[in-house]
C-alpha atoms as a PDB file:
ATOM      1  CA  UNK A   1     114.966 -89.995 -11.986  1.00  0.00           C
ATOM      2  CA  UNK A   2     115.465 -92.905 -10.023  1.00  0.00           C
ATOM      3  CA  UNK A   3     116.175 -90.862  -6.853  1.00  0.00           C
ATOM      4  CA  UNK A   4     112.734 -88.767  -7.844  1.00  0.00           C
ATOM      5  CA  UNK A   5     110.673 -91.815  -7.839  1.00  0.00           C
ATOM      6  CA  UNK A   6     111.909 -92.979  -4.493  1.00  0.00           C
ATOM      7  CA  UNK A   7     111.106 -89.772  -2.938  1.00  0.00           C
ATOM      8  CA  UNK A   8     107.621 -90.050  -4.488  1.00  0.00           C
ATOM      9  CA  UNK A   9     106.985 -93.328  -3.196  1.00  0.00           C
ATOM     10  CA  UNK A  10     108.296 -92.209   0.051  1.00  0.00           C
ATOM     11  CA  UNK A  11     105.854 -89.602   0.352  1.00  0.00           C
ATOM     12  CA  UNK A  12     102.771 -91.726  -0.876  1.00  0.00           C
ATOM     13  CA  UNK A  13     103.654 -94.474   1.736  1.00  0.00           C
ATOM     14  CA  UNK A  14     103.944 -92.222   4.498  1.00  0.00           C
ATOM     15  CA  UNK A  15     100.921 -90.050   3.756  1.00  0.00           C
ATOM     16  CA  UNK A  16      98.539 -91.988   5.858  1.00  0.00           C
ATOM     17  CA  UNK A  17      98.348 -94.200   8.553  1.00  0.00           C
ATOM     18  CA  UNK A  18      94.785 -94.482   9.928  1.00  0.00           C
ATOM     19  CA  UNK A  19      94.295 -92.513  13.237  1.00  0.00           C
ATOM     20  CA  UNK A  20      97.705 -92.513  14.562  1.00  0.00           C
ATOM     21  CA  UNK A  21      98.454 -90.044  17.195  1.00  0.00           C
ATOM     22  CA  UNK A  22      99.273 -87.096  15.295  1.00  0.00           C
ATOM     23  CA  UNK A  23      96.422 -87.779  12.954  1.00  0.00           C
ATOM     24  CA  UNK A  24      93.936 -88.203  15.743  1.00  0.00           C
ATOM     25  CA  UNK A  25      95.149 -84.845  17.031  1.00  0.00           C
ATOM     26  CA  UNK A  26      94.648 -83.011  13.705  1.00  0.00           C
ATOM     27  CA  UNK A  27      90.883 -84.461  13.685  1.00  0.00           C
ATOM     28  CA  UNK A  28      90.526 -83.419  17.126  1.00  0.00           C
ATOM     29  CA  UNK A  29      91.425 -79.881  16.303  1.00  0.00           C
ATOM     30  CA  UNK A  30      89.559 -79.839  13.197  1.00  0.00           C
ATOM     31  CA  UNK A  31      86.193 -80.661  15.074  1.00  0.00           C
ATOM     32  CA  UNK A  32      86.641 -77.629  17.368  1.00  0.00           C
ATOM     33  CA  UNK A  33      86.516 -75.508  14.344  1.00  0.00           C
ATOM     34  CA  UNK A  34      90.402 -74.897  14.197  1.00  0.00           C
ATOM     35  CA  UNK A  35      91.702 -73.438  11.032  1.00  0.00           C
ATOM     36  CA  UNK A  36      93.585 -76.014   8.570  1.00  0.00           C
ATOM     37  CA  UNK A  37      96.810 -74.437   9.556  1.00  0.00           C
ATOM     38  CA  UNK A  38      95.997 -74.778  13.205  1.00  0.00           C
ATOM     39  CA  UNK A  39      95.119 -78.338  12.830  1.00  0.00           C
ATOM     40  CA  UNK A  40      98.323 -79.111  10.860  1.00  0.00           C
ATOM     41  CA  UNK A  41      99.979 -77.354  13.871  1.00  0.00           C
ATOM     42  CA  UNK A  42      98.424 -79.685  16.200  1.00  0.00           C
ATOM     43  CA  UNK A  43      99.601 -82.671  13.886  1.00  0.00           C
ATOM     44  CA  UNK A  44     103.333 -81.232  13.757  1.00  0.00           C
ATOM     45  CA  UNK A  45     103.311 -80.878  17.686  1.00  0.00           C
ATOM     46  CA  UNK A  46     102.445 -84.431  18.039  1.00  0.00           C
ATOM     47  CA  UNK A  47     104.592 -85.974  15.516  1.00  0.00           C
ATOM     48  CA  UNK A  48     107.643 -84.217  16.960  1.00  0.00           C
ATOM     49  CA  UNK A  49     107.361 -86.609  19.890  1.00  0.00           C
ATOM     50  CA  UNK A  50     110.233 -89.189  20.224  1.00  0.00           C
ATOM     51  CA  UNK A  51     107.869 -92.282  20.085  1.00  0.00           C
ATOM     52  CA  UNK A  52     106.017 -90.748  16.930  1.00  0.00           C
ATOM     53  CA  UNK A  53     107.893 -88.683  14.213  1.00  0.00           C
ATOM     54  CA  UNK A  54     111.187 -88.850  16.292  1.00  0.00           C
ATOM     55  CA  UNK A  55     111.249 -92.574  15.357  1.00  0.00           C
ATOM     56  CA  UNK A  56     112.534 -91.848  11.900  1.00  0.00           C
ATOM     57  CA  UNK A  57     115.360 -89.584  12.893  1.00  0.00           C
ATOM     58  CA  UNK A  58     116.536 -92.405  15.317  1.00  0.00           C
ATOM     59  CA  UNK A  59     116.043 -94.969  12.428  1.00  0.00           C
ATOM     60  CA  UNK A  60     118.247 -92.664  10.371  1.00  0.00           C
ATOM     61  CA  UNK A  61     120.722 -92.276  12.862  1.00  0.00           C
ATOM     62  CA  UNK A  62     120.914 -96.237  13.354  1.00  0.00           C
ATOM     63  CA  UNK A  63     121.134 -96.758   9.362  1.00  0.00           C
ATOM     64  CA  UNK A  64     123.875 -94.043   9.365  1.00  0.00           C
ATOM     65  CA  UNK A  65     125.568 -96.153  12.141  1.00  0.00           C
ATOM     66  CA  UNK A  66     125.326 -99.397  10.274  1.00  0.00           C
ATOM     67  CA  UNK A  67     126.617 -97.722   7.129  1.00  0.00           C
ATOM     68  CA  UNK A  68     129.635 -96.547   8.919  1.00  0.00           C
ATOM     69  CA  UNK A  69     130.540 -99.459  10.795  1.00  0.00           C
ATOM     70  CA  UNK A  70     133.628-101.631   9.649  1.00  0.00           C
ATOM     71  CA  UNK A  71     131.220-104.644   9.750  1.00  0.00           C
ATOM     72  CA  UNK A  72     127.967-103.794   9.449  1.00  0.00           C
ATOM     73  CA  UNK A  73     126.431-107.317  10.364  1.00  0.00           C
ATOM     74  CA  UNK A  74     128.593-107.431  13.327  1.00  0.00           C
ATOM     75  CA  UNK A  75     127.472-103.913  14.430  1.00  0.00           C
ATOM     76  CA  UNK A  76     123.904-104.993  14.384  1.00  0.00           C
ATOM     77  CA  UNK A  77     124.743-108.369  16.223  1.00  0.00           C
ATOM     78  CA  UNK A  78     126.577-105.971  19.044  1.00  0.00           C
ATOM     79  CA  UNK A  79     123.533-103.772  18.989  1.00  0.00           C
ATOM     80  CA  UNK A  80     121.164-106.222  19.536  1.00  0.00           C
ATOM     81  CA  UNK A  81     123.534-108.426  22.032  1.00  0.00           C
ATOM     82  CA  UNK A  82     123.430-105.466  24.237  1.00  0.00           C
ATOM     83  CA  UNK A  83     119.684-105.127  24.368  1.00  0.00           C
ATOM     84  CA  UNK A  84     120.187-101.449  22.689  1.00  0.00           C
ATOM     85  CA  UNK A  85     116.800-100.895  21.173  1.00  0.00           C
ATOM     86  CA  UNK A  86     116.288-100.872  17.369  1.00  0.00           C
ATOM     87  CA  UNK A  87     114.326 -97.920  16.203  1.00  0.00           C
ATOM     88  CA  UNK A  88     112.467 -98.224  13.336  1.00  0.00           C
ATOM     89  CA  UNK A  89     112.033-102.328  13.996  1.00  0.00           C
ATOM     90  CA  UNK A  90     108.606-103.854  14.624  1.00  0.00           C
ATOM     91  CA  UNK A  91     105.122-102.450  14.620  1.00  0.00           C
ATOM     92  CA  UNK A  92     102.448-104.083  16.834  1.00  0.00           C
ATOM     93  CA  UNK A  93      99.890-103.240  14.037  1.00  0.00           C
ATOM     94  CA  UNK A  94     101.820-105.201  11.774  1.00  0.00           C
ATOM     95  CA  UNK A  95     102.867-108.533  13.480  1.00  0.00           C
ATOM     96  CA  UNK A  96     104.048-109.786   9.962  1.00  0.00           C
ATOM     97  CA  UNK A  97     106.252-106.423   9.096  1.00  0.00           C
ATOM     98  CA  UNK A  98     105.106-102.735   8.148  1.00  0.00           C
ATOM     99  CA  UNK A  99     104.113-103.399   4.451  1.00  0.00           C
ATOM    100  CA  UNK A 100     105.224 -99.543   4.022  1.00  0.00           C
ATOM    101  CA  UNK A 101     108.686-100.623   5.237  1.00  0.00           C
ATOM    102  CA  UNK A 102     108.997-103.345   3.258  1.00  0.00           C
ATOM    103  CA  UNK A 103     108.084-101.705   0.267  1.00  0.00           C
ATOM    104  CA  UNK A 104     110.412 -98.528   0.559  1.00  0.00           C
ATOM    105  CA  UNK A 105     113.277-100.618   1.664  1.00  0.00           C
ATOM    106  CA  UNK A 106     112.840-103.060  -1.093  1.00  0.00           C
ATOM    107  CA  UNK A 107     112.549 -99.966  -3.608  1.00  0.00           C
ATOM    108  CA  UNK A 108     115.624 -98.583  -1.918  1.00  0.00           C
ATOM    109  CA  UNK A 109     117.651-101.710  -2.328  1.00  0.00           C
ATOM    110  CA  UNK A 110     116.650-102.071  -5.949  1.00  0.00           C
ATOM    111  CA  UNK A 111     117.438 -98.604  -7.007  1.00  0.00           C
ATOM    112  CA  UNK A 112     120.823 -97.652  -4.791  1.00  0.00           C
ATOM    113  CA  UNK A 113     121.646-101.058  -3.471  1.00  0.00           C
ATOM    114  CA  UNK A 114     124.830-100.707  -5.216  1.00  0.00           C
ATOM    115  CA  UNK A 115     125.733 -97.705  -3.479  1.00  0.00           C
ATOM    116  CA  UNK A 116     128.649 -98.405  -0.703  1.00  0.00           C
ATOM    117  CA  UNK A 117     126.905 -96.958   2.226  1.00  0.00           C
ATOM    118  CA  UNK A 118     123.296 -98.250   1.259  1.00  0.00           C
ATOM    119  CA  UNK A 119     124.463-101.995   0.788  1.00  0.00           C
ATOM    120  CA  UNK A 120     126.319-101.724   4.122  1.00  0.00           C
ATOM    121  CA  UNK A 121     123.242-100.512   5.709  1.00  0.00           C
ATOM    122  CA  UNK A 122     121.106-102.781   4.126  1.00  0.00           C
ATOM    123  CA  UNK A 123     123.231-105.745   5.370  1.00  0.00           C
ATOM    124  CA  UNK A 124     123.281-104.504   8.920  1.00  0.00           C
ATOM    125  CA  UNK A 125     119.428-103.941   8.476  1.00  0.00           C
ATOM    126  CA  UNK A 126     118.693-107.399   7.523  1.00  0.00           C
ATOM    127  CA  UNK A 127     121.053-108.730  10.249  1.00  0.00           C
ATOM    128  CA  UNK A 128     118.706-106.794  12.985  1.00  0.00           C
ATOM    129  CA  UNK A 129     115.506-108.385  11.299  1.00  0.00           C
ATOM    130  CA  UNK A 130     117.331-112.019  11.407  1.00  0.00           C
ATOM    131  CA  UNK A 131     118.414-111.496  14.968  1.00  0.00           C
ATOM    132  CA  UNK A 132     115.349-109.692  16.661  1.00  0.00           C
ATOM    133  CA  UNK A 133     112.745-111.156  14.162  1.00  0.00           C
ATOM    134  CA  UNK A 134     111.326-107.673  13.949  1.00  0.00           C
ATOM    135  CA  UNK A 135     110.684-106.023  10.393  1.00  0.00           C
ATOM    136  CA  UNK A 136     111.841-102.671   8.974  1.00  0.00           C
ATOM    137  CA  UNK A 137     109.134 -99.949   9.417  1.00  0.00           C
ATOM    138  CA  UNK A 138     108.264 -97.064   7.393  1.00  0.00           C
ATOM    139  CA  UNK A 139     110.858 -94.931   9.730  1.00  0.00           C
ATOM    140  CA  UNK A 140     113.734 -97.086   8.772  1.00  0.00           C
ATOM    141  CA  UNK A 141     112.821 -96.772   4.822  1.00  0.00           C
ATOM    142  CA  UNK A 142     112.853 -93.107   5.371  1.00  0.00           C
ATOM    143  CA  UNK A 143     116.157 -93.539   7.207  1.00  0.00           C
ATOM    144  CA  UNK A 144     117.565 -95.580   4.667  1.00  0.00           C
ATOM    145  CA  UNK A 145     116.320 -93.181   2.137  1.00  0.00           C
ATOM    146  CA  UNK A 146     117.995 -90.332   3.543  1.00  0.00           C
ATOM    147  CA  UNK A 147     121.306 -92.035   3.862  1.00  0.00           C
ATOM    148  CA  UNK A 148     121.154 -92.982   0.109  1.00  0.00           C
ATOM    149  CA  UNK A 149     120.437 -89.680  -0.940  1.00  0.00           C
ATOM    150  CA  UNK A 150     122.991 -88.157   1.018  1.00  0.00           C
ATOM    151  CA  UNK A 151     120.305 -85.865   2.414  1.00  0.00           C
ATOM    152  CA  UNK A 152     121.422 -83.919   5.799  1.00  0.00           C
ATOM    153  CA  UNK A 153     120.441 -84.714   9.309  1.00  0.00           C
ATOM    154  CA  UNK A 154     116.713 -84.180  10.071  1.00  0.00           C
ATOM    155  CA  UNK A 155     115.391 -84.978   6.544  1.00  0.00           C
ATOM    156  CA  UNK A 156     113.873 -88.151   7.700  1.00  0.00           C
ATOM    157  CA  UNK A 157     111.334 -86.471   9.917  1.00  0.00           C
ATOM    158  CA  UNK A 158     111.147 -83.745   7.461  1.00  0.00           C
ATOM    159  CA  UNK A 159     110.264 -86.198   4.806  1.00  0.00           C
ATOM    160  CA  UNK A 160     107.568 -87.861   7.088  1.00  0.00           C
ATOM    161  CA  UNK A 161     106.254 -84.751   8.110  1.00  0.00           C
ATOM    162  CA  UNK A 162     105.895 -83.225   4.415  1.00  0.00           C
ATOM    163  CA  UNK A 163     103.971 -86.488   3.380  1.00  0.00           C
ATOM    164  CA  UNK A 164     101.690 -86.730   6.393  1.00  0.00           C
ATOM    165  CA  UNK A 165     100.682 -83.216   6.206  1.00  0.00           C
ATOM    166  CA  UNK A 166      99.092 -84.176   3.023  1.00  0.00           C
ATOM    167  CA  UNK A 167      97.100 -86.826   4.578  1.00  0.00           C
ATOM    168  CA  UNK A 168      96.238 -84.502   7.496  1.00  0.00           C
ATOM    169  CA  UNK A 169      94.546 -82.418   5.187  1.00  0.00           C
ATOM    170  CA  UNK A 170      92.345 -85.014   4.034  1.00  0.00           C
ATOM    171  CA  UNK A 171      91.500 -85.925   7.456  1.00  0.00           C
ATOM    172  CA  UNK A 172      90.687 -82.328   8.240  1.00  0.00           C
ATOM    173  CA  UNK A 173      88.298 -82.179   5.431  1.00  0.00           C
ATOM    174  CA  UNK A 174      86.659 -85.344   6.181  1.00  0.00           C
ATOM    175  CA  UNK A 175      86.341 -84.284   9.982  1.00  0.00           C
ATOM    176  CA  UNK A 176      84.935 -80.883   9.008  1.00  0.00           C
ATOM    177  CA  UNK A 177      82.147 -82.121   6.816  1.00  0.00           C
ATOM    178  CA  UNK A 178      81.212 -84.657   9.537  1.00  0.00           C
ATOM    179  CA  UNK A 179      80.555 -81.931  11.895  1.00  0.00           C
ATOM    180  CA  UNK A 180      80.484 -82.500  15.545  1.00  0.00           C
ATOM    181  CA  UNK A 181      82.848 -81.942  18.405  1.00  0.00           C
ATOM    182  CA  UNK A 182      85.231 -85.128  19.216  1.00  0.00           C
ATOM    183  CA  UNK A 183      85.135 -85.475  23.000  1.00  0.00           C
ATOM    184  CA  UNK A 184      86.140 -88.590  24.226  1.00  0.00           C
ATOM    185  CA  UNK A 185      84.810 -89.675  27.882  1.00  0.00           C
ATOM    186  CA  UNK A 186      87.374 -90.476  30.594  1.00  0.00           C
ATOM    187  CA  UNK A 187      86.518 -93.032  33.571  1.00  0.00           C
ATOM    188  CA  UNK A 188      88.679 -92.674  36.712  1.00  0.00           C
ATOM    189  CA  UNK A 189      90.254 -96.022  37.541  1.00  0.00           C
ATOM    190  CA  UNK A 190      92.960 -95.099  40.235  1.00  0.00           C
ATOM    191  CA  UNK A 191      92.775 -95.341  43.818  1.00  0.00           C
ATOM    192  CA  UNK A 192      89.356 -94.840  45.709  1.00  0.00           C
ATOM    193  CA  UNK A 193      89.146 -93.201  49.145  1.00  0.00           C
ATOM    194  CA  UNK A 194      88.550 -95.271  51.939  1.00  0.00           C
END
């Protein structure tokens, strides 16, 4: 039951996040009269990018790497010292930390923190936070959940997409009821002739 509660919490926390890239794509598709299936496809295509949903898989790989290290704190310190990116840490929208990530990581720690791999990943996670000053995001939370539940590779993105689809449907319905085509304007700011 504790594992089911964690899955439910993860799905709720990841369901919506304002007008991020994938949600905006869904709303644009909805504004054109696309079907719900087509709009969700637009969201999934956008979510698949390495700077969006792909972060969840990179964060999951980092959690697995830290959990497998002989010394997760040392592994985290080495990663930071090399200047390697820490996927799933820091989000410009949340200078004080992603509240979704904080909530999910806290829940996982409370429910699964005594499991060796989770405890090891958590110690490495805390070391990354301390060394960089950047807090774990929802991506790291999903990666830690996948590790803790022993889910197969690809599950972090799968959970993210499943959760976000519910949010997209809400955005789709709202956009369709609002009517009108979303058509941003562009202004050329490049080189001028002459």
